[in-house]
Amino acid sequence: MASKLLLIGVFVLDLIAFGLAVAAEQRRSTAKIVPDRDENYNYCVYDSDISTGYGVGAFLFLFVSQIIIMVASRCFCCGKPLKPGGSRACAVILFIICWVFFLIAEICLLAGSVENAYHTKYRTLFVNDPPSCETVRKGVFAAGAAFIFFTSIISKFYYINYSSARESFQPYLGGGETGVGMGTYK
């Protein structure tokens, strides 16, 4: 049977990662163009950079939860063989989907954090076009949060199916066992 303590621990980590990703989306940096005192040139002024920290935190919590699931399941490829059947087939499919969703979530969180931390330092003369004050596009951290949610659900189903297929398999050891109809008669 799947470890309930492990599933609860991973759920808590995923919940924290989801909350941090939502907070990062809510607190994205915004920029405004401000002229200098002499009004010779314009430059960008950014507000709080807290969403970078939230995004990195979500990245790390999701990473730790994925590592825990993969270590507990021996990354699906090491350890005892699994019983052939539906649980093993589901575990294989869910393993692949889990990694795809995990990679998408991590890419969204990392890209959002890097883009949010990047602030343009360019200045333009007052007569030229205003500077490009780049910020994170709306929805990058939200996409990360959505894929954290998907990863959380799929990884738990993967671990449950993996545990079910692992525990019910008893390999043939040969030797002293008697076969059907081979019992001893007295």
N, C-alpha and C. Protein backbone atom coordinates (compact mmCIF):
# COMPACT_ATOMS: atom_id res chain seq x y z
N MET A 1 0.84 -1.19 0.00
CA MET A 1 0.00 0.00 0.00
C MET A 1 0.88 1.24 0.00
N ALA A 2 0.41 2.25 -0.65
CA ALA A 2 1.15 3.51 -0.73
C ALA A 2 1.24 4.13 0.66
N SER A 3 2.36 4.74 0.94
CA SER A 3 2.58 5.38 2.23
C SER A 3 1.72 6.64 2.35
N LYS A 4 0.81 6.63 3.31
CA LYS A 4 -0.07 7.79 3.51
C LYS A 4 0.73 8.99 4.00
N LEU A 5 1.73 8.73 4.83
CA LEU A 5 2.56 9.83 5.33
C LEU A 5 3.31 10.51 4.19
N LEU A 6 3.83 9.71 3.27
CA LEU A 6 4.53 10.28 2.11
C LEU A 6 3.58 11.10 1.25
N LEU A 7 2.39 10.56 1.00
CA LEU A 7 1.42 11.28 0.18
C LEU A 7 0.99 12.59 0.84
N ILE A 8 0.82 12.59 2.15
CA ILE A 8 0.44 13.81 2.86
C ILE A 8 1.58 14.83 2.81
N GLY A 9 2.81 14.36 3.02
CA GLY A 9 3.97 15.26 2.96
C GLY A 9 4.14 15.90 1.59
N VAL A 10 3.99 15.09 0.55
CA VAL A 10 4.11 15.62 -0.82
C VAL A 10 2.95 16.56 -1.13
N PHE A 11 1.77 16.24 -0.63
CA PHE A 11 0.62 17.13 -0.83
C PHE A 11 0.88 18.50 -0.21
N VAL A 12 1.43 18.51 1.00
CA VAL A 12 1.73 19.79 1.67
C VAL A 12 2.75 20.59 0.86
N LEU A 13 3.80 19.93 0.38
CA LEU A 13 4.81 20.62 -0.44
C LEU A 13 4.20 21.19 -1.71
N ASP A 14 3.35 20.39 -2.37
CA ASP A 14 2.69 20.85 -3.60
C ASP A 14 1.72 21.99 -3.32
N LEU A 15 1.05 21.93 -2.18
CA LEU A 15 0.12 23.01 -1.82
C LEU A 15 0.88 24.32 -1.58
N ILE A 16 2.02 24.23 -0.92
CA ILE A 16 2.85 25.42 -0.70
C ILE A 16 3.34 25.97 -2.04
N ALA A 17 3.81 25.07 -2.92
CA ALA A 17 4.28 25.51 -4.24
C ALA A 17 3.16 26.18 -5.02
N PHE A 18 1.96 25.62 -4.97
CA PHE A 18 0.82 26.21 -5.67
C PHE A 18 0.50 27.59 -5.11
N GLY A 19 0.48 27.71 -3.79
CA GLY A 19 0.20 29.01 -3.17
C GLY A 19 1.24 30.06 -3.53
N LEU A 20 2.51 29.66 -3.55
CA LEU A 20 3.57 30.61 -3.93
C LEU A 20 3.45 31.03 -5.40
N ALA A 21 3.08 30.09 -6.26
CA ALA A 21 2.92 30.44 -7.68
C ALA A 21 1.75 31.40 -7.89
N VAL A 22 0.66 31.18 -7.17
CA VAL A 22 -0.48 32.10 -7.27
C VAL A 22 -0.09 33.47 -6.72
N ALA A 23 0.64 33.49 -5.60
CA ALA A 23 1.09 34.76 -5.03
C ALA A 23 2.04 35.48 -6.00
N ALA A 24 2.89 34.73 -6.68
CA ALA A 24 3.80 35.34 -7.66
C ALA A 24 3.02 35.97 -8.80
N GLU A 25 1.95 35.32 -9.23
CA GLU A 25 1.12 35.89 -10.30
C GLU A 25 0.45 37.18 -9.83
N GLN A 26 0.00 37.20 -8.60
CA GLN A 26 -0.68 38.38 -8.07
C GLN A 26 0.27 39.56 -7.84
N ARG A 27 1.53 39.27 -7.56
CA ARG A 27 2.50 40.32 -7.21
C ARG A 27 3.55 40.57 -8.29
N ARG A 28 3.20 40.28 -9.55
CA ARG A 28 4.15 40.52 -10.64
C ARG A 28 4.62 41.97 -10.64
N SER A 29 5.85 42.18 -11.05
CA SER A 29 6.38 43.54 -11.14
C SER A 29 5.65 44.32 -12.22
N THR A 30 5.46 45.58 -11.96
CA THR A 30 4.94 46.49 -12.98
C THR A 30 5.95 47.63 -13.10
N ALA A 31 5.92 48.27 -14.24
CA ALA A 31 6.87 49.36 -14.48
C ALA A 31 6.13 50.57 -15.01
N LYS A 32 6.71 51.70 -14.73
CA LYS A 32 6.18 52.93 -15.32
C LYS A 32 7.35 53.77 -15.80
N ILE A 33 7.09 54.55 -16.80
CA ILE A 33 8.11 55.41 -17.38
C ILE A 33 8.10 56.74 -16.65
N VAL A 34 9.27 57.14 -16.20
CA VAL A 34 9.40 58.36 -15.40
C VAL A 34 10.49 59.24 -16.03
N PRO A 35 10.22 60.52 -16.17
CA PRO A 35 11.28 61.42 -16.65
C PRO A 35 12.21 61.80 -15.50
N ASP A 36 13.45 62.11 -15.83
CA ASP A 36 14.38 62.55 -14.78
C ASP A 36 14.01 63.97 -14.33
N ARG A 37 14.74 64.49 -13.35
CA ARG A 37 14.42 65.82 -12.82
C ARG A 37 14.53 66.91 -13.87
N ASP A 38 15.54 66.81 -14.71
CA ASP A 38 15.75 67.83 -15.74
C ASP A 38 14.93 67.57 -16.99
N GLU A 39 14.23 66.46 -17.02
CA GLU A 39 13.41 66.04 -18.16
C GLU A 39 14.23 65.91 -19.43
N ASN A 40 15.45 65.41 -19.30
CA ASN A 40 16.29 65.15 -20.47
C ASN A 40 16.07 63.76 -21.04
N TYR A 41 15.71 62.84 -20.19
CA TYR A 41 15.50 61.47 -20.65
C TYR A 41 14.46 60.78 -19.76
N ASN A 42 13.95 59.66 -20.27
CA ASN A 42 12.97 58.85 -19.54
C ASN A 42 13.64 57.55 -19.11
N TYR A 43 13.17 56.97 -18.05
CA TYR A 43 13.67 55.67 -17.61
C TYR A 43 12.53 54.90 -16.94
N CYS A 44 12.77 53.62 -16.73
CA CYS A 44 11.76 52.74 -16.14
C CYS A 44 11.95 52.65 -14.64
N VAL A 45 10.83 52.69 -13.92
CA VAL A 45 10.84 52.49 -12.48
C VAL A 45 9.94 51.28 -12.20
N TYR A 46 10.53 50.28 -11.56
CA TYR A 46 9.81 49.05 -11.25
C TYR A 46 9.39 49.05 -9.79
N ASP A 47 8.23 48.44 -9.55
CA ASP A 47 7.79 48.31 -8.16
C ASP A 47 8.38 47.03 -7.57
N SER A 48 7.77 46.49 -6.59
CA SER A 48 8.28 45.35 -5.81
C SER A 48 8.74 44.18 -6.68
N ASP A 49 9.79 43.51 -6.21
CA ASP A 49 10.36 42.37 -6.92
C ASP A 49 10.06 41.08 -6.16
N ILE A 50 9.03 41.07 -5.34
CA ILE A 50 8.73 39.93 -4.47
C ILE A 50 8.30 38.69 -5.25
N SER A 51 7.70 38.87 -6.41
CA SER A 51 7.21 37.71 -7.14
C SER A 51 8.35 36.82 -7.65
N THR A 52 9.55 37.39 -7.80
CA THR A 52 10.70 36.56 -8.17
C THR A 52 10.97 35.55 -7.06
N GLY A 53 10.96 36.00 -5.83
CA GLY A 53 11.16 35.10 -4.69
C GLY A 53 10.06 34.07 -4.57
N TYR A 54 8.82 34.49 -4.79
CA TYR A 54 7.70 33.55 -4.76
C TYR A 54 7.85 32.49 -5.85
N GLY A 55 8.23 32.92 -7.04
CA GLY A 55 8.41 31.98 -8.15
C GLY A 55 9.52 30.98 -7.89
N VAL A 56 10.64 31.47 -7.35
CA VAL A 56 11.75 30.57 -7.02
C VAL A 56 11.35 29.62 -5.90
N GLY A 57 10.62 30.12 -4.92
CA GLY A 57 10.14 29.26 -3.83
C GLY A 57 9.22 28.16 -4.35
N ALA A 58 8.29 28.52 -5.24
CA ALA A 58 7.39 27.53 -5.82
C ALA A 58 8.19 26.50 -6.62
N PHE A 59 9.19 26.97 -7.37
CA PHE A 59 10.08 26.09 -8.13
C PHE A 59 10.74 25.07 -7.21
N LEU A 60 11.28 25.53 -6.10
CA LEU A 60 12.01 24.64 -5.18
C LEU A 60 11.08 23.67 -4.46
N PHE A 61 9.92 24.13 -4.00
CA PHE A 61 8.99 23.23 -3.32
C PHE A 61 8.48 22.14 -4.26
N LEU A 62 8.17 22.51 -5.50
CA LEU A 62 7.74 21.50 -6.48
C LEU A 62 8.86 20.53 -6.79
N PHE A 63 10.07 21.04 -6.90
CA PHE A 63 11.24 20.20 -7.17
C PHE A 63 11.44 19.18 -6.05
N VAL A 64 11.35 19.62 -4.80
CA VAL A 64 11.52 18.73 -3.66
C VAL A 64 10.42 17.66 -3.63
N SER A 65 9.19 18.05 -3.90
CA SER A 65 8.11 17.06 -3.89
C SER A 65 8.30 16.02 -4.99
N GLN A 66 8.77 16.45 -6.15
CA GLN A 66 9.02 15.50 -7.25
C GLN A 66 10.16 14.56 -6.89
N ILE A 67 11.20 15.08 -6.27
CA ILE A 67 12.33 14.24 -5.85
C ILE A 67 11.86 13.19 -4.84
N ILE A 68 11.02 13.59 -3.89
CA ILE A 68 10.53 12.66 -2.88
C ILE A 68 9.73 11.52 -3.53
N ILE A 69 8.83 11.86 -4.45
CA ILE A 69 8.04 10.84 -5.14
C ILE A 69 8.95 9.91 -5.94
N MET A 70 9.92 10.46 -6.64
CA MET A 70 10.80 9.63 -7.47
C MET A 70 11.74 8.76 -6.63
N VAL A 71 12.20 9.26 -5.50
CA VAL A 71 13.05 8.44 -4.62
C VAL A 71 12.21 7.32 -4.00
N ALA A 72 11.00 7.64 -3.59
CA ALA A 72 10.13 6.63 -2.99
C ALA A 72 9.76 5.53 -3.99
N SER A 73 9.63 5.89 -5.25
CA SER A 73 9.29 4.90 -6.27
C SER A 73 10.51 4.40 -7.03
N ARG A 74 11.68 4.79 -6.57
CA ARG A 74 12.94 4.42 -7.21
C ARG A 74 12.93 4.81 -8.69
N CYS A 75 12.33 5.93 -8.97
CA CYS A 75 12.25 6.51 -10.31
C CYS A 75 11.74 5.50 -11.33
N PHE A 76 10.93 4.58 -10.88
CA PHE A 76 10.23 3.61 -11.70
C PHE A 76 11.13 2.56 -12.36
N CYS A 77 12.43 2.81 -12.44
CA CYS A 77 13.27 1.88 -13.20
C CYS A 77 14.17 1.01 -12.33
N CYS A 78 14.31 1.32 -11.07
CA CYS A 78 15.19 0.55 -10.19
C CYS A 78 14.33 -0.21 -9.18
N GLY A 79 14.89 -1.21 -8.59
CA GLY A 79 14.17 -1.94 -7.57
C GLY A 79 13.52 -3.19 -8.10
N LYS A 80 12.57 -3.71 -7.31
CA LYS A 80 11.89 -4.96 -7.68
C LYS A 80 11.05 -4.77 -8.94
N PRO A 81 10.86 -5.87 -9.70
CA PRO A 81 9.98 -5.77 -10.87
C PRO A 81 8.53 -5.58 -10.45
N LEU A 82 7.76 -5.01 -11.33
CA LEU A 82 6.35 -4.76 -11.05
C LEU A 82 5.49 -5.85 -11.65
N LYS A 83 4.36 -6.11 -11.01
CA LYS A 83 3.41 -7.10 -11.48
C LYS A 83 2.82 -6.63 -12.81
N PRO A 84 2.82 -7.50 -13.81
CA PRO A 84 2.17 -7.11 -15.07
C PRO A 84 0.67 -6.90 -14.84
N GLY A 85 0.13 -5.94 -15.53
CA GLY A 85 -1.30 -5.69 -15.40
C GLY A 85 -1.64 -4.22 -15.49
N GLY A 86 -2.86 -3.93 -15.08
CA GLY A 86 -3.38 -2.57 -15.19
C GLY A 86 -2.66 -1.55 -14.35
N SER A 87 -2.27 -1.93 -13.13
CA SER A 87 -1.57 -0.97 -12.26
C SER A 87 -0.22 -0.58 -12.84
N ARG A 88 0.49 -1.53 -13.40
CA ARG A 88 1.79 -1.22 -13.98
C ARG A 88 1.63 -0.36 -15.24
N ALA A 89 0.66 -0.69 -16.07
CA ALA A 89 0.42 0.10 -17.28
C ALA A 89 0.04 1.54 -16.92
N CYS A 90 -0.83 1.69 -15.93
CA CYS A 90 -1.20 3.04 -15.48
C CYS A 90 0.00 3.77 -14.90
N ALA A 91 0.83 3.05 -14.13
CA ALA A 91 2.01 3.67 -13.53
C ALA A 91 2.97 4.18 -14.61
N VAL A 92 3.15 3.42 -15.67
CA VAL A 92 4.04 3.85 -16.76
C VAL A 92 3.50 5.12 -17.42
N ILE A 93 2.23 5.12 -17.75
CA ILE A 93 1.62 6.28 -18.41
C ILE A 93 1.65 7.50 -17.49
N LEU A 94 1.29 7.30 -16.23
CA LEU A 94 1.28 8.42 -15.28
C LEU A 94 2.69 8.93 -14.99
N PHE A 95 3.68 8.06 -15.01
CA PHE A 95 5.07 8.47 -14.83
C PHE A 95 5.49 9.45 -15.93
N ILE A 96 5.16 9.12 -17.16
CA ILE A 96 5.52 9.99 -18.29
C ILE A 96 4.77 11.31 -18.21
N ILE A 97 3.47 11.25 -17.96
CA ILE A 97 2.66 12.47 -17.87
C ILE A 97 3.13 13.34 -16.70
N CYS A 98 3.46 12.71 -15.59
CA CYS A 98 3.94 13.44 -14.41
C CYS A 98 5.20 14.24 -14.74
N TRP A 99 6.14 13.61 -15.43
CA TRP A 99 7.38 14.31 -15.79
C TRP A 99 7.13 15.43 -16.80
N VAL A 100 6.24 15.23 -17.73
CA VAL A 100 5.93 16.28 -18.71
C VAL A 100 5.32 17.49 -17.99
N PHE A 101 4.32 17.25 -17.14
CA PHE A 101 3.70 18.34 -16.39
C PHE A 101 4.69 19.02 -15.46
N PHE A 102 5.54 18.23 -14.81
CA PHE A 102 6.56 18.79 -13.92
C PHE A 102 7.50 19.72 -14.68
N LEU A 103 7.97 19.28 -15.84
CA LEU A 103 8.90 20.11 -16.63
C LEU A 103 8.23 21.39 -17.11
N ILE A 104 6.98 21.31 -17.52
CA ILE A 104 6.26 22.52 -17.96
C ILE A 104 6.11 23.49 -16.79
N ALA A 105 5.72 22.97 -15.62
CA ALA A 105 5.56 23.83 -14.44
C ALA A 105 6.88 24.49 -14.06
N GLU A 106 7.96 23.72 -14.05
CA GLU A 106 9.26 24.27 -13.67
C GLU A 106 9.74 25.31 -14.69
N ILE A 107 9.50 25.07 -15.97
CA ILE A 107 9.90 26.03 -17.00
C ILE A 107 9.12 27.33 -16.84
N CYS A 108 7.81 27.24 -16.60
CA CYS A 108 6.99 28.45 -16.39
C CYS A 108 7.47 29.23 -15.18
N LEU A 109 7.72 28.53 -14.07
CA LEU A 109 8.16 29.21 -12.85
C LEU A 109 9.53 29.84 -13.02
N LEU A 110 10.44 29.11 -13.64
CA LEU A 110 11.79 29.63 -13.82
C LEU A 110 11.80 30.80 -14.81
N ALA A 111 11.10 30.65 -15.92
CA ALA A 111 11.04 31.73 -16.90
C ALA A 111 10.39 32.97 -16.32
N GLY A 112 9.31 32.79 -15.56
CA GLY A 112 8.65 33.93 -14.93
C GLY A 112 9.53 34.62 -13.92
N SER A 113 10.25 33.83 -13.13
CA SER A 113 11.14 34.42 -12.12
C SER A 113 12.29 35.18 -12.76
N VAL A 114 12.87 34.60 -13.78
CA VAL A 114 14.00 35.27 -14.46
C VAL A 114 13.53 36.54 -15.14
N GLU A 115 12.41 36.46 -15.83
CA GLU A 115 11.89 37.65 -16.53
C GLU A 115 11.47 38.73 -15.53
N ASN A 116 10.90 38.32 -14.40
CA ASN A 116 10.50 39.30 -13.39
C ASN A 116 11.71 39.97 -12.75
N ALA A 117 12.80 39.24 -12.60
CA ALA A 117 14.00 39.80 -11.98
C ALA A 117 14.76 40.72 -12.93
N TYR A 118 14.52 40.56 -14.22
CA TYR A 118 15.22 41.39 -15.21
C TYR A 118 14.54 42.73 -15.32
N HIS A 119 15.30 43.79 -15.09
CA HIS A 119 14.78 45.14 -15.23
C HIS A 119 15.64 45.88 -16.24
N THR A 120 14.98 46.48 -17.21
CA THR A 120 15.75 47.23 -18.21
C THR A 120 16.40 48.44 -17.58
N LYS A 121 17.59 48.72 -18.00
CA LYS A 121 18.34 49.87 -17.47
C LYS A 121 18.51 50.95 -18.53
N TYR A 122 17.82 50.78 -19.64
CA TYR A 122 18.01 51.72 -20.74
C TYR A 122 17.30 53.03 -20.47
N ARG A 123 17.90 54.07 -20.95
CA ARG A 123 17.30 55.40 -20.88
C ARG A 123 17.12 55.90 -22.31
N THR A 124 16.15 56.71 -22.51
CA THR A 124 15.97 57.32 -23.82
C THR A 124 15.86 58.82 -23.65
N LEU A 125 16.29 59.49 -24.67
CA LEU A 125 16.12 60.94 -24.66
C LEU A 125 14.64 61.27 -24.74
N PHE A 126 14.30 62.42 -24.24
CA PHE A 126 12.90 62.82 -24.16
C PHE A 126 12.23 62.86 -25.53
N VAL A 127 13.00 63.14 -26.57
CA VAL A 127 12.41 63.25 -27.90
C VAL A 127 12.24 61.90 -28.58
N ASN A 128 12.95 60.88 -28.12
CA ASN A 128 12.86 59.55 -28.73
C ASN A 128 11.68 58.77 -28.18
N ASP A 129 11.52 57.56 -28.71
CA ASP A 129 10.47 56.67 -28.21
C ASP A 129 10.72 56.36 -26.74
N PRO A 130 9.67 56.08 -25.99
CA PRO A 130 9.86 55.74 -24.58
C PRO A 130 10.62 54.40 -24.45
N PRO A 131 11.30 54.18 -23.34
CA PRO A 131 12.05 52.94 -23.16
C PRO A 131 11.11 51.73 -23.05
N SER A 132 11.63 50.58 -23.38
CA SER A 132 10.86 49.34 -23.27
C SER A 132 10.99 48.82 -21.84
N CYS A 133 9.96 48.98 -21.08
CA CYS A 133 9.97 48.52 -19.68
C CYS A 133 9.38 47.10 -19.64
N GLU A 134 10.24 46.11 -19.84
CA GLU A 134 9.78 44.73 -19.93
C GLU A 134 9.37 44.20 -18.57
N THR A 135 8.26 43.50 -18.56
CA THR A 135 7.76 42.84 -17.34
C THR A 135 7.27 41.45 -17.74
N VAL A 136 6.96 40.65 -16.75
CA VAL A 136 6.44 39.30 -16.99
C VAL A 136 5.05 39.40 -17.58
N ARG A 137 4.80 38.60 -18.61
CA ARG A 137 3.47 38.58 -19.19
C ARG A 137 2.49 38.01 -18.18
N LYS A 138 1.30 38.52 -18.22
CA LYS A 138 0.25 38.04 -17.32
C LYS A 138 -0.04 36.58 -17.67
N GLY A 139 -0.07 35.73 -16.66
CA GLY A 139 -0.43 34.34 -16.86
C GLY A 139 0.73 33.36 -16.82
N VAL A 140 1.98 33.84 -16.80
CA VAL A 140 3.13 32.93 -16.77
C VAL A 140 3.16 32.16 -15.45
N PHE A 141 3.05 32.86 -14.34
CA PHE A 141 3.04 32.20 -13.04
C PHE A 141 1.74 31.42 -12.85
N ALA A 142 0.64 31.91 -13.43
CA ALA A 142 -0.63 31.18 -13.33
C ALA A 142 -0.54 29.85 -14.08
N ALA A 143 0.13 29.84 -15.22
CA ALA A 143 0.34 28.58 -15.95
C ALA A 143 1.19 27.63 -15.11
N GLY A 144 2.21 28.19 -14.45
CA GLY A 144 3.03 27.37 -13.55
C GLY A 144 2.19 26.79 -12.43
N ALA A 145 1.29 27.60 -11.85
CA ALA A 145 0.42 27.12 -10.78
C ALA A 145 -0.52 26.02 -11.28
N ALA A 146 -1.05 26.19 -12.48
CA ALA A 146 -1.93 25.16 -13.04
C ALA A 146 -1.18 23.85 -13.23
N PHE A 147 0.03 23.92 -13.75
CA PHE A 147 0.80 22.69 -13.96
C PHE A 147 1.33 22.12 -12.65
N ILE A 148 1.49 22.94 -11.62
CA ILE A 148 1.79 22.40 -10.29
C ILE A 148 0.61 21.56 -9.82
N PHE A 149 -0.58 22.07 -10.01
CA PHE A 149 -1.79 21.33 -9.63
C PHE A 149 -1.87 20.01 -10.39
N PHE A 150 -1.67 20.05 -11.71
CA PHE A 150 -1.71 18.83 -12.52
C PHE A 150 -0.62 17.84 -12.09
N THR A 151 0.58 18.35 -11.85
CA THR A 151 1.68 17.49 -11.42
C THR A 151 1.36 16.85 -10.08
N SER A 152 0.78 17.60 -9.19
CA SER A 152 0.43 17.09 -7.87
C SER A 152 -0.54 15.92 -7.97
N ILE A 153 -1.59 16.08 -8.74
CA ILE A 153 -2.59 15.03 -8.88
C ILE A 153 -2.00 13.80 -9.56
N ILE A 154 -1.32 14.01 -10.67
CA ILE A 154 -0.77 12.89 -11.45
C ILE A 154 0.32 12.15 -10.66
N SER A 155 1.17 12.87 -9.94
CA SER A 155 2.24 12.20 -9.20
C SER A 155 1.67 11.32 -8.09
N LYS A 156 0.59 11.75 -7.47
CA LYS A 156 -0.01 10.93 -6.43
C LYS A 156 -0.65 9.68 -7.03
N PHE A 157 -1.36 9.82 -8.14
CA PHE A 157 -1.92 8.65 -8.81
C PHE A 157 -0.81 7.71 -9.29
N TYR A 158 0.27 8.29 -9.79
CA TYR A 158 1.41 7.47 -10.21
C TYR A 158 1.95 6.66 -9.04
N TYR A 159 2.17 7.30 -7.90
CA TYR A 159 2.74 6.61 -6.75
C TYR A 159 1.80 5.52 -6.23
N ILE A 160 0.50 5.78 -6.23
CA ILE A 160 -0.46 4.78 -5.78
C ILE A 160 -0.46 3.58 -6.71
N ASN A 161 -0.48 3.82 -8.02
CA ASN A 161 -0.44 2.71 -8.98
C ASN A 161 0.88 1.96 -8.92
N TYR A 162 1.97 2.68 -8.77
CA TYR A 162 3.28 2.05 -8.65
C TYR A 162 3.31 1.15 -7.41
N SER A 163 2.83 1.66 -6.29
CA SER A 163 2.83 0.88 -5.05
C SER A 163 1.95 -0.35 -5.18
N SER A 164 0.81 -0.21 -5.83
CA SER A 164 -0.09 -1.34 -6.03
C SER A 164 0.57 -2.42 -6.89
N ALA A 165 1.24 -2.03 -7.95
CA ALA A 165 1.90 -3.00 -8.83
C ALA A 165 3.14 -3.60 -8.17
N ARG A 166 3.82 -2.86 -7.34
CA ARG A 166 5.03 -3.36 -6.70
C ARG A 166 4.71 -4.36 -5.60
N GLU A 167 3.72 -4.09 -4.79
CA GLU A 167 3.44 -4.93 -3.63
C GLU A 167 2.78 -6.24 -3.97
N SER A 168 2.08 -6.32 -5.06
CA SER A 168 1.36 -7.54 -5.37
C SER A 168 2.18 -8.52 -6.21
N PHE A 169 3.38 -8.17 -6.58
CA PHE A 169 4.19 -9.05 -7.43
C PHE A 169 5.08 -9.94 -6.57
N GLN A 170 4.95 -11.26 -6.77
CA GLN A 170 5.79 -12.23 -6.08
C GLN A 170 6.49 -13.05 -7.15
N PRO A 171 7.78 -12.80 -7.40
CA PRO A 171 8.46 -13.54 -8.45
C PRO A 171 8.61 -15.01 -8.08
N TYR A 172 8.68 -15.88 -9.09
CA TYR A 172 8.87 -17.32 -8.87
C TYR A 172 10.30 -17.56 -8.44
N LEU A 173 10.47 -18.15 -7.30
CA LEU A 173 11.80 -18.38 -6.76
C LEU A 173 12.30 -19.78 -7.06
N GLY A 174 11.41 -20.67 -7.49
CA GLY A 174 11.83 -22.04 -7.81
C GLY A 174 12.23 -22.79 -6.56
N GLY A 175 12.79 -23.93 -6.74
CA GLY A 175 13.31 -24.67 -5.60
C GLY A 175 12.27 -25.49 -4.91
N GLY A 176 12.14 -25.35 -3.63
CA GLY A 176 11.38 -26.24 -2.79
C GLY A 176 9.87 -26.15 -2.86
N GLU A 177 9.32 -25.43 -3.78
CA GLU A 177 7.88 -25.33 -3.87
C GLU A 177 7.33 -26.50 -4.68
N THR A 178 6.15 -26.93 -4.31
CA THR A 178 5.52 -28.00 -5.07
C THR A 178 4.55 -27.39 -6.06
N GLY A 179 4.45 -28.01 -7.21
CA GLY A 179 3.55 -27.53 -8.25
C GLY A 179 2.14 -28.04 -8.05
N VAL A 180 1.23 -27.69 -8.91
CA VAL A 180 -0.14 -28.14 -8.84
C VAL A 180 -0.16 -29.64 -9.12
N GLY A 181 -0.78 -30.37 -8.26
CA GLY A 181 -0.88 -31.82 -8.44
C GLY A 181 0.40 -32.56 -8.10
N MET A 182 1.36 -31.91 -7.54
CA MET A 182 2.64 -32.55 -7.24
C MET A 182 2.79 -32.77 -5.73
N GLY A 183 1.70 -32.69 -5.00
CA GLY A 183 1.77 -32.86 -3.56
C GLY A 183 2.20 -34.28 -3.18
N THR A 184 2.58 -34.48 -1.97
CA THR A 184 2.99 -35.80 -1.49
C THR A 184 1.79 -36.53 -0.92
N TYR A 185 1.72 -37.81 -1.16
CA TYR A 185 0.61 -38.63 -0.67
C TYR A 185 1.14 -39.56 0.39
N LYS A 186 0.39 -39.74 1.43
CA LYS A 186 0.78 -40.66 2.51
C LYS A 186 -0.19 -41.76 2.68
